[in-house]
Structure formats: C-alpha cells, structure tokens
C-alpha cells in the first residue's frame, strides 16, 4: 500500500503480563484507508522467539493492526516463509512477515547503485545506511554459520550412516537453502537484478516438501542440491554439495543450436567458453538417449571437439557445463568453510561461464531473390510459364 507513512519506535502496550515495547510501529495512510504493522528487530546472533512474537500478534489483533514485521539475520530457506514457528491460529487476522538484514542491504544497494535516487539528500542518507549495514559492528551479519548439527550430519553422511529422519537433518537442509538464497542475494547485488531460488510451485506452497526432498537425496546419495534463477541467463544455475566426495559443483544446461552438424554445434559452445578455465567439464546431451552423454574437460575438447560428439546420426540437444571444486567443511566462515566454498564457486561460475553464454537463435529467413529478366527474351519467367507446353495449344 502506498501513501503517507508514519513511523514510531518503542510504542508501549499493556498486556496481562505487563507493559511491553515492540521495537517499532509503521502506519501507512491513503485516503480513508490505512495499514498498520508492529516491528520487531534482532541483530547479531540474536534469534526471534516464538513466545515474544505470539505476544505481539495478540497485541496487533486486539488493536486492529494488520501485520507484524520482523527483521533479523535469520534467512528463511523459502522466500515468504518465516524462520520462527508460531501458533497458526494467531495468524488468522494478523499477517506475519520477515525481512533478513541481508535483504535490507541488498534492496538498499539495488536502489542506490542500479535504480538511482533522484533526491541528493535521500541518496546521501541511503548511502550512509549502506555504509552502516556493511560495517562489522552494525549487527547486520552475513550468513556465517551452518548450525550446531552441521558437523554431526556431515560426518554421518560421509560414513553412510545418515538417515532422512535423523535429528539435525532438517536444520542442515534448511540452512543449505538459506545459503543458496544468500548466495543469490550477493550475486544480485553485483548484477543489479533479482536472483531467486529455483523452486517448483509445490515447493514454494509447501516448504516441507522441499525439505523432505533434500533429506531423501542426502541420505541416499550424500548430496545437497538446489538452484538459482537468474533473469536473462541461458538457464538456472544448479549447485550441488557432495558431502561424501567433499566437492561443490555448479552447473548449467545450455540448449544447443537446432541447425548444423554435430561438430558445428560443439564448436558453437567452445567459442563461447574461449576464456573459461580449462578444468570445466562439458557433457553432451543427446536427444532420445538413455544415460549420460559423452563428456570431457574443456581443455581436451578445445584440442579435439570430436571427443564429445555422439555417434553419427544422433542429435545433440544441449550441453551441460560444470565446475567442480573442493568443498570446505567448517560450519562457520573463513578459509576452509563450507559457506565460503559455495558462495565463491557460485560467483566464479557465473562470471566465468554463464554471463558469457548467449543463447542460440535462428537466423531470420531470407527473401527469395527475384529472377533477372532479359529484355530481349520473348518468353515469360513467371513460374506458370515454366510448365511444359500442352499439345494443341
């Protein structure tokens, strides 16, 4: 809702348990309409508490307010989901929204650096907010921890003893999706666009389905996997963390040209990767084929394009380009950490591969050239006159 905005801090409310002070209140007015929300803020490693939020939801309902907005360093695995579980009955008349500090910083940078602010004073204020949020002592932290269960789950997966219903697994799955969303926010800041998790409609509507899928694959294959959707990119960027092989892999599927011979299509993708690192893996995706297609490292494909060409007569439908690097194992940030190994690989893969791939498009159709006429010729060049003469005519 757009309109005149009023903001207040630490507005007191009396409850059965005493007087409480939510961190803020926002009211937006437009004509006879108004929208009002309480605001609760946490910084640093402080997490939102269900009991406190439920108390504020009760206040909002009794006062006729519309929503409760929370801000903290917690990043929900699915956009629109709240990181704190509260009694759903308290949400019947009051909406509950959450904004991570990383998203606040992302939005501020997008507005100032990419969209622009016309008013000089507002631009200065926004710049100061960005400078403050980026300071290490602001309390607006980056994602810096995979959670208390990361080490035990990681070790159980590596040894083959992890099961999908084991304690701690759901937290690790949730943290992994939060990490992907964080990596997307960071990438979006650099690109000036919204990079979002690549989720199905059912996974967005039912976040538990996404968690269950992650846990099944983690138990069966030892991997955590997800994707990022980047506007105008050739395809989603898929991230896979293999906890048994200790590898992080980023990959993208590239549709092949629909015309040309096999080697023509292979050379088309090689030319677009001319400046990419030599240890990229390229797999040829073959139409109507079962199993994996021919695959080689880019270094060899450059020397011998035939090395990833399928058998004669088979049609190339696309290429899968992947970068695999050593995975960090530490739960926190810094050298050797899992978080840094994922974020850095996402940034490198996008810059080295995806941003350089231009999707194939067919050439526009050419006009049929008009036949040249001979002024001295008596016969017509019209197509109908090219027919054989009919006897007796």
Protein backbone atom coordinates (compact mmCIF):
# COMPACT_ATOMS: atom_id res chain seq x y z
CA UNK A 1 0.00 0.00 0.00
CA UNK A 2 1.34 3.43 -0.96
CA UNK A 3 0.53 6.60 0.94
CA UNK A 4 1.72 8.84 3.76
CA UNK A 5 4.00 6.85 6.04
CA UNK A 6 4.37 7.38 9.79
CA UNK A 7 6.97 5.53 11.88
CA UNK A 8 7.34 5.24 15.66
CA UNK A 9 9.83 3.48 17.95
CA UNK A 10 9.20 1.55 21.17
CA UNK A 11 5.47 2.18 21.41
CA UNK A 12 4.24 0.89 24.82
CA UNK A 13 1.36 -1.59 25.12
CA UNK A 14 -0.13 -3.02 28.31
CA UNK A 15 -0.71 -6.78 28.43
CA UNK A 16 -1.72 -9.27 31.11
CA UNK A 17 1.99 -9.93 31.68
CA UNK A 18 2.91 -6.26 31.99
CA UNK A 19 3.95 -3.45 29.68
CA UNK A 20 5.83 -4.39 26.51
CA UNK A 21 7.67 -2.27 23.96
CA UNK A 22 7.82 -3.55 20.37
CA UNK A 23 10.77 -2.03 18.55
CA UNK A 24 8.61 -0.04 16.15
CA UNK A 25 5.29 0.72 14.53
CA UNK A 26 4.62 1.63 10.90
CA UNK A 27 1.39 3.22 9.66
CA UNK A 28 0.60 3.99 6.03
CA UNK A 29 -2.42 6.17 5.23
CA UNK A 30 -4.10 6.75 1.89
CA UNK A 31 -7.44 8.50 1.95
CA UNK A 32 -9.73 6.64 4.31
CA UNK A 33 -7.58 3.51 4.19
CA UNK A 34 -4.68 2.69 6.48
CA UNK A 35 -2.28 -0.19 7.09
CA UNK A 36 -0.53 -0.62 10.43
CA UNK A 37 2.21 -3.04 11.48
CA UNK A 38 4.27 -3.67 14.58
CA UNK A 39 8.01 -4.18 14.04
CA UNK A 40 10.41 -6.43 15.98
CA UNK A 41 14.16 -6.28 15.24
CA UNK A 42 17.04 -8.56 16.21
CA UNK A 43 20.72 -8.01 15.42
CA UNK A 44 23.87 -10.09 15.66
CA UNK A 45 23.28 -13.73 16.52
CA UNK A 46 20.07 -12.99 18.44
CA UNK A 47 17.16 -15.02 17.10
CA UNK A 48 13.44 -14.30 17.11
CA UNK A 49 11.48 -16.01 19.91
CA UNK A 50 8.08 -17.59 19.32
CA UNK A 51 6.68 -16.51 22.70
CA UNK A 52 7.53 -12.86 22.12
CA UNK A 53 6.15 -12.88 18.57
CA UNK A 54 2.91 -14.51 19.67
CA UNK A 55 2.51 -11.80 22.33
CA UNK A 56 2.94 -9.10 19.68
CA UNK A 57 0.49 -10.88 17.39
CA UNK A 58 -2.09 -10.79 20.20
CA UNK A 59 -1.50 -7.05 20.62
CA UNK A 60 -1.83 -6.45 16.88
CA UNK A 61 -5.12 -8.37 16.78
CA UNK A 62 -6.60 -6.55 19.76
CA UNK A 63 -5.57 -3.15 18.35
CA UNK A 64 -6.89 -3.92 14.88
CA UNK A 65 -3.42 -3.79 13.30
CA UNK A 66 -2.73 -5.58 10.03
CA UNK A 67 0.68 -7.20 10.46
CA UNK A 68 3.79 -7.93 12.47
CA UNK A 69 7.09 -7.39 10.62
CA UNK A 70 10.29 -8.97 11.92
CA UNK A 71 13.89 -8.19 10.90
CA UNK A 72 16.85 -10.36 11.87
CA UNK A 73 19.89 -12.12 10.45
CA UNK A 74 17.89 -15.34 10.05
CA UNK A 75 17.31 -16.20 6.37
CA UNK A 76 14.28 -18.42 5.67
CA UNK A 77 15.02 -21.23 3.21
CA UNK A 78 11.99 -20.29 1.10
CA UNK A 79 11.03 -16.67 0.31
CA UNK A 80 7.84 -15.74 2.17
CA UNK A 81 8.40 -18.33 4.89
CA UNK A 82 9.01 -17.16 8.47
CA UNK A 83 12.06 -18.54 10.32
CA UNK A 84 10.14 -18.87 13.61
CA UNK A 85 7.29 -21.31 14.08
CA UNK A 86 4.31 -19.67 15.82
CA UNK A 87 0.77 -20.78 16.63
CA UNK A 88 -1.01 -20.64 13.26
CA UNK A 89 -4.28 -19.65 14.96
CA UNK A 90 -2.75 -16.27 15.80
CA UNK A 91 -2.29 -15.54 12.09
CA UNK A 92 -5.99 -15.63 11.19
CA UNK A 93 -6.38 -11.85 11.36
CA UNK A 94 -2.77 -10.63 11.51
CA UNK A 95 -0.11 -11.29 8.86
CA UNK A 96 3.44 -12.19 9.86
CA UNK A 97 6.26 -11.01 7.57
CA UNK A 98 10.04 -11.43 7.86
CA UNK A 99 12.88 -9.45 6.27
CA UNK A 100 16.50 -10.65 6.65
CA UNK A 101 19.11 -7.94 7.18
CA UNK A 102 20.90 -9.24 4.09
CA UNK A 103 17.78 -8.46 2.05
CA UNK A 104 17.58 -4.96 3.54
CA UNK A 105 21.18 -4.34 2.43
CA UNK A 106 20.52 -5.89 -0.98
CA UNK A 107 17.48 -3.66 -1.53
CA UNK A 108 19.35 -0.53 -0.45
CA UNK A 109 22.28 -1.24 -2.81
CA UNK A 110 19.91 -2.05 -5.68
CA UNK A 111 18.07 1.24 -5.21
CA UNK A 112 21.15 3.43 -4.89
CA UNK A 113 23.59 1.81 -7.31
CA UNK A 114 21.33 0.37 -10.01
CA UNK A 115 17.96 2.14 -9.97
CA UNK A 116 19.08 5.54 -8.73
CA UNK A 117 17.75 8.09 -6.24
CA UNK A 118 16.81 11.48 -7.68
CA UNK A 119 16.88 13.48 -4.44
CA UNK A 120 20.51 14.19 -3.37
CA UNK A 121 19.69 14.19 0.35
CA UNK A 122 17.84 10.87 0.13
CA UNK A 123 20.72 9.41 -1.87
CA UNK A 124 23.17 10.51 0.85
CA UNK A 125 21.01 9.04 3.63
CA UNK A 126 20.68 5.76 1.75
CA UNK A 127 24.43 5.68 1.21
CA UNK A 128 25.01 6.17 4.94
CA UNK A 129 22.60 3.32 5.70
CA UNK A 130 24.53 1.04 3.34
CA UNK A 131 27.83 2.06 4.91
CA UNK A 132 26.43 1.37 8.36
CA UNK A 133 24.95 -2.03 7.50
CA UNK A 134 28.19 -3.13 5.84
CA UNK A 135 30.21 -2.36 8.99
CA UNK A 136 31.18 -5.41 11.01
CA UNK A 137 29.80 -3.88 14.23
CA UNK A 138 26.37 -2.97 12.85
CA UNK A 139 24.85 -6.27 13.91
CA UNK A 140 23.60 -6.89 10.38
CA UNK A 141 25.62 -10.01 9.73
CA UNK A 142 26.15 -12.13 6.67
CA UNK A 143 25.17 -15.78 6.82
CA UNK A 144 28.05 -17.15 8.88
CA UNK A 145 27.04 -20.48 10.39
CA UNK A 146 25.65 -23.80 9.12
CA UNK A 147 24.18 -24.56 12.54
CA UNK A 148 25.01 -26.75 15.50
CA UNK A 149 24.15 -30.01 13.71
CA UNK A 150 26.33 -29.41 10.63
CA UNK A 151 29.39 -31.35 11.81
CA UNK A 152 27.47 -34.40 13.08
CA UNK A 153 25.28 -34.61 9.96
CA UNK A 154 28.25 -34.07 7.64
CA UNK A 155 30.21 -36.87 9.32
CA UNK A 156 27.21 -39.23 9.32
CA UNK A 157 26.64 -38.65 5.61
CA UNK A 158 30.32 -39.26 4.86
CA UNK A 159 30.25 -42.56 6.76
CA UNK A 160 26.96 -43.67 5.18
CA UNK A 161 25.07 -43.79 8.50
CA UNK A 162 22.79 -40.79 7.97
CA UNK A 163 19.05 -41.40 7.58
CA UNK A 164 16.45 -38.91 6.37
CA UNK A 165 14.66 -38.81 9.74
CA UNK A 166 17.80 -38.34 11.84
CA UNK A 167 17.86 -35.43 14.25
CA UNK A 168 19.53 -32.33 12.90
CA UNK A 169 18.98 -33.21 9.27
CA UNK A 170 16.07 -30.81 8.81
CA UNK A 171 18.13 -27.93 10.23
CA UNK A 172 21.02 -28.66 7.84
CA UNK A 173 18.63 -28.83 4.87
CA UNK A 174 17.06 -25.53 5.92
CA UNK A 175 20.48 -23.88 6.32
CA UNK A 176 21.55 -25.09 2.88
CA UNK A 177 18.53 -23.48 1.24
CA UNK A 178 19.19 -20.32 3.26
CA UNK A 179 22.77 -20.40 1.96
CA UNK A 180 21.55 -20.61 -1.64
CA UNK A 181 19.24 -17.66 -1.08
CA UNK A 182 22.10 -15.70 0.49
CA UNK A 183 24.38 -16.53 -2.46
CA UNK A 184 21.63 -15.32 -4.80
CA UNK A 185 21.28 -12.04 -2.90
CA UNK A 186 25.04 -11.45 -3.11
CA UNK A 187 25.09 -12.21 -6.83
CA UNK A 188 22.06 -10.00 -7.39
CA UNK A 189 23.81 -7.07 -5.70
CA UNK A 190 26.62 -7.30 -8.23
CA UNK A 191 24.32 -7.74 -11.23
CA UNK A 192 21.60 -5.29 -10.27
CA UNK A 193 18.82 -7.87 -10.69
CA UNK A 194 16.73 -10.18 -8.52
CA UNK A 195 18.33 -13.64 -8.33
CA UNK A 196 15.83 -16.05 -6.79
CA UNK A 197 15.83 -19.71 -5.70
CA UNK A 198 14.77 -22.09 -8.47
CA UNK A 199 11.86 -23.82 -6.74
CA UNK A 200 8.78 -25.55 -8.08
CA UNK A 201 5.33 -24.15 -7.32
CA UNK A 202 4.61 -27.03 -4.97
CA UNK A 203 7.88 -26.45 -3.08
CA UNK A 204 7.02 -22.77 -2.62
CA UNK A 205 3.50 -23.58 -1.45
CA UNK A 206 4.65 -26.50 0.74
CA UNK A 207 8.18 -25.80 2.07
CA UNK A 208 8.17 -29.15 3.91
CA UNK A 209 8.11 -30.90 0.53
CA UNK A 210 11.37 -29.19 -0.40
CA UNK A 211 12.94 -30.21 2.94
CA UNK A 212 11.79 -33.82 2.53
CA UNK A 213 13.27 -33.99 -0.98
CA UNK A 214 16.62 -32.67 0.26
CA UNK A 215 16.76 -35.14 3.12
CA UNK A 216 15.92 -38.13 0.89
CA UNK A 217 18.74 -37.29 -1.51
CA UNK A 218 21.13 -36.53 1.35
CA UNK A 219 20.50 -39.99 2.84
CA UNK A 220 20.54 -41.86 -0.48
CA UNK A 221 23.26 -40.03 -2.42
CA UNK A 222 25.05 -37.87 0.13
CA UNK A 223 24.27 -34.63 -1.73
CA UNK A 224 22.50 -31.34 -1.09
CA UNK A 225 21.33 -29.63 -4.26
CA UNK A 226 19.38 -26.56 -5.34
CA UNK A 227 19.30 -23.88 -7.99
CA UNK A 228 19.28 -20.14 -8.64
CA UNK A 229 17.17 -18.48 -11.31
CA UNK A 230 18.99 -15.54 -12.95
CA UNK A 231 16.97 -13.28 -15.28
CA UNK A 232 18.05 -13.48 -18.95
CA UNK A 233 20.60 -16.25 -18.23
CA UNK A 234 20.73 -19.27 -20.54
CA UNK A 235 19.39 -21.47 -17.74
CA UNK A 236 19.20 -21.92 -13.94
CA UNK A 237 22.48 -22.24 -12.06
CA UNK A 238 22.44 -25.56 -10.19
CA UNK A 239 24.53 -26.01 -7.04
CA UNK A 240 25.34 -29.47 -5.66
CA UNK A 241 27.30 -30.16 -2.48
CA UNK A 242 28.57 -33.76 -2.33
CA UNK A 243 29.29 -34.45 1.34
CA UNK A 244 30.83 -37.85 0.58
CA UNK A 245 33.21 -36.68 -2.12
CA UNK A 246 33.80 -33.27 -0.45
CA UNK A 247 33.08 -31.43 -3.72
CA UNK A 248 30.95 -28.41 -4.63
CA UNK A 249 29.68 -28.37 -8.21
CA UNK A 250 28.00 -25.57 -10.14
CA UNK A 251 26.47 -26.40 -13.50
CA UNK A 252 24.17 -25.06 -16.19
CA UNK A 253 22.38 -26.76 -19.09
CA UNK A 254 22.73 -24.96 -22.43
CA UNK A 255 20.30 -25.72 -25.28
CA UNK A 256 22.24 -26.49 -28.49
CA UNK A 257 21.61 -24.84 -31.87
CA UNK A 258 18.78 -26.52 -33.72
CA UNK A 259 20.61 -26.46 -37.03
CA UNK A 260 24.04 -27.58 -38.19
CA UNK A 261 26.16 -30.70 -37.96
CA UNK A 262 27.42 -32.23 -34.73
CA UNK A 263 30.82 -30.53 -34.81
CA UNK A 264 29.19 -27.23 -35.72
CA UNK A 265 27.16 -27.40 -32.51
CA UNK A 266 30.15 -28.43 -30.42
CA UNK A 267 32.28 -25.60 -31.81
CA UNK A 268 29.43 -23.17 -31.09
CA UNK A 269 29.68 -23.81 -27.35
CA UNK A 270 33.51 -23.97 -27.35
CA UNK A 271 33.73 -20.48 -28.87
CA UNK A 272 31.61 -19.05 -26.07
CA UNK A 273 33.90 -20.61 -23.47
CA UNK A 274 37.14 -19.37 -25.02
CA UNK A 275 38.21 -17.54 -21.83
CA UNK A 276 36.87 -20.08 -19.31
CA UNK A 277 39.08 -22.21 -17.09
CA UNK A 278 40.35 -25.41 -18.68
CA UNK A 279 39.04 -27.78 -15.98
CA UNK A 280 35.38 -27.14 -16.75
CA UNK A 281 33.55 -30.36 -17.56
CA UNK A 282 31.37 -30.44 -20.68
CA UNK A 283 28.79 -33.16 -21.25
CA UNK A 284 26.85 -33.54 -24.48
CA UNK A 285 23.12 -34.07 -24.00
CA UNK A 286 21.83 -36.37 -26.74
CA UNK A 287 18.20 -36.41 -27.85
CA UNK A 288 16.23 -39.61 -27.11
CA UNK A 289 19.20 -41.19 -25.37
CA UNK A 290 19.27 -43.08 -22.09
CA UNK A 291 22.00 -42.43 -19.59
CA UNK A 292 24.81 -39.91 -19.76
CA UNK A 293 26.29 -38.46 -22.91
CA UNK A 294 29.97 -38.15 -23.86
CA UNK A 295 31.88 -35.86 -21.51
CA UNK A 296 35.36 -34.36 -21.29
CA UNK A 297 37.24 -31.46 -19.72
CA UNK A 298 37.22 -28.23 -21.70
CA UNK A 299 41.00 -28.44 -22.17
CA UNK A 300 40.69 -31.63 -24.21
CA UNK A 301 37.53 -30.51 -26.04
CA UNK A 302 39.39 -27.45 -27.30
CA UNK A 303 42.05 -29.72 -28.78
CA UNK A 304 39.63 -32.33 -30.11
CA UNK A 305 35.97 -31.23 -30.49
CA UNK A 306 35.11 -34.74 -31.69
CA UNK A 307 35.78 -36.05 -28.18
CA UNK A 308 32.27 -35.07 -27.04
CA UNK A 309 30.48 -35.70 -30.35
CA UNK A 310 27.95 -38.55 -30.10
CA UNK A 311 27.66 -41.44 -32.52
CA UNK A 312 26.85 -40.45 -36.11
CA UNK A 313 23.16 -39.93 -36.66
CA UNK A 314 22.44 -38.88 -33.06
CA UNK A 315 21.15 -35.36 -32.48
CA UNK A 316 22.76 -33.03 -29.91
CA UNK A 317 20.04 -31.29 -27.89
CA UNK A 318 22.29 -29.43 -25.45
CA UNK A 319 25.43 -29.21 -23.33
CA UNK A 320 25.93 -29.42 -19.58
CA UNK A 321 28.82 -27.27 -18.35
CA UNK A 322 30.03 -27.87 -14.79
CA UNK A 323 32.71 -26.61 -12.42
CA UNK A 324 33.68 -28.86 -9.51
CA UNK A 325 35.96 -27.67 -6.68
CA UNK A 326 37.00 -28.85 -3.23
CA UNK A 327 34.29 -28.30 -0.62
CA UNK A 328 35.02 -26.55 2.65
CA UNK A 329 33.99 -28.49 5.74
CA UNK A 330 33.88 -25.93 8.58
CA UNK A 331 30.47 -24.76 9.80
CA UNK A 332 31.43 -21.08 10.07
CA UNK A 333 33.05 -18.56 7.73
CA UNK A 334 36.62 -18.12 6.57
CA UNK A 335 39.19 -20.29 4.89
CA UNK A 336 38.09 -23.93 4.64
CA UNK A 337 34.43 -23.16 5.42
CA UNK A 338 31.50 -24.74 3.62
CA UNK A 339 29.67 -21.42 3.25
CA UNK A 340 32.59 -19.63 1.58
CA UNK A 341 33.29 -22.54 -0.78
CA UNK A 342 29.68 -22.45 -2.04
CA UNK A 343 29.38 -18.65 -2.35
CA UNK A 344 32.75 -18.25 -4.07
CA UNK A 345 32.04 -21.07 -6.53
CA UNK A 346 28.66 -19.56 -7.45
CA UNK A 347 30.28 -16.16 -8.14
CA UNK A 348 33.13 -17.66 -10.15
CA UNK A 349 30.92 -19.95 -12.22
CA UNK A 350 28.57 -17.14 -13.15
CA UNK A 351 31.41 -14.80 -14.09
CA UNK A 352 33.43 -17.44 -15.95
CA UNK A 353 30.63 -19.26 -17.74
CA UNK A 354 27.02 -18.12 -17.54
CA UNK A 355 27.47 -14.43 -18.24
CA UNK A 356 29.39 -15.30 -21.42
CA UNK A 357 26.80 -17.69 -22.89
CA UNK A 358 24.47 -16.18 -25.45
CA UNK A 359 21.51 -18.47 -26.21
CA UNK A 360 21.31 -19.68 -29.79
CA UNK A 361 18.68 -18.07 -32.00
CA UNK A 362 17.85 -18.99 -35.59
CA UNK A 363 18.83 -16.58 -38.35
CA UNK A 364 15.93 -14.61 -39.81
CA UNK A 365 14.53 -16.08 -43.05
CA UNK A 366 15.99 -14.71 -46.29
CA UNK A 367 13.85 -13.31 -49.08
CA UNK A 368 13.84 -15.28 -52.32
CA UNK A 369 15.81 -13.28 -54.87
CA UNK A 370 13.79 -12.10 -57.85
CA UNK A 371 14.90 -13.66 -61.17
CA UNK A 372 16.83 -11.42 -63.52
CA UNK A 373 14.89 -10.54 -66.67
CA UNK A 374 16.37 -10.50 -70.19
CA UNK A 375 14.82 -7.64 -72.15
CA UNK A 376 15.47 -9.46 -75.46
CA UNK A 377 13.79 -12.67 -74.32
CA UNK A 378 10.26 -13.27 -75.55
CA UNK A 379 9.35 -15.94 -73.03
CA UNK A 380 7.97 -15.10 -69.61
CA UNK A 381 9.92 -16.01 -66.46
CA UNK A 382 6.80 -16.42 -64.38
CA UNK A 383 6.62 -19.83 -62.73
CA UNK A 384 3.37 -20.67 -64.54
CA UNK A 385 5.08 -20.25 -67.92
CA UNK A 386 7.77 -22.78 -66.97
CA UNK A 387 5.32 -25.65 -67.30
CA UNK A 388 5.61 -27.96 -70.30
CA UNK A 389 3.56 -26.90 -73.31
CA UNK A 390 0.26 -28.64 -73.71
CA UNK A 391 -0.25 -30.31 -77.11
CA UNK A 392 -2.58 -28.44 -79.39
CA UNK A 393 -2.28 -25.14 -77.52
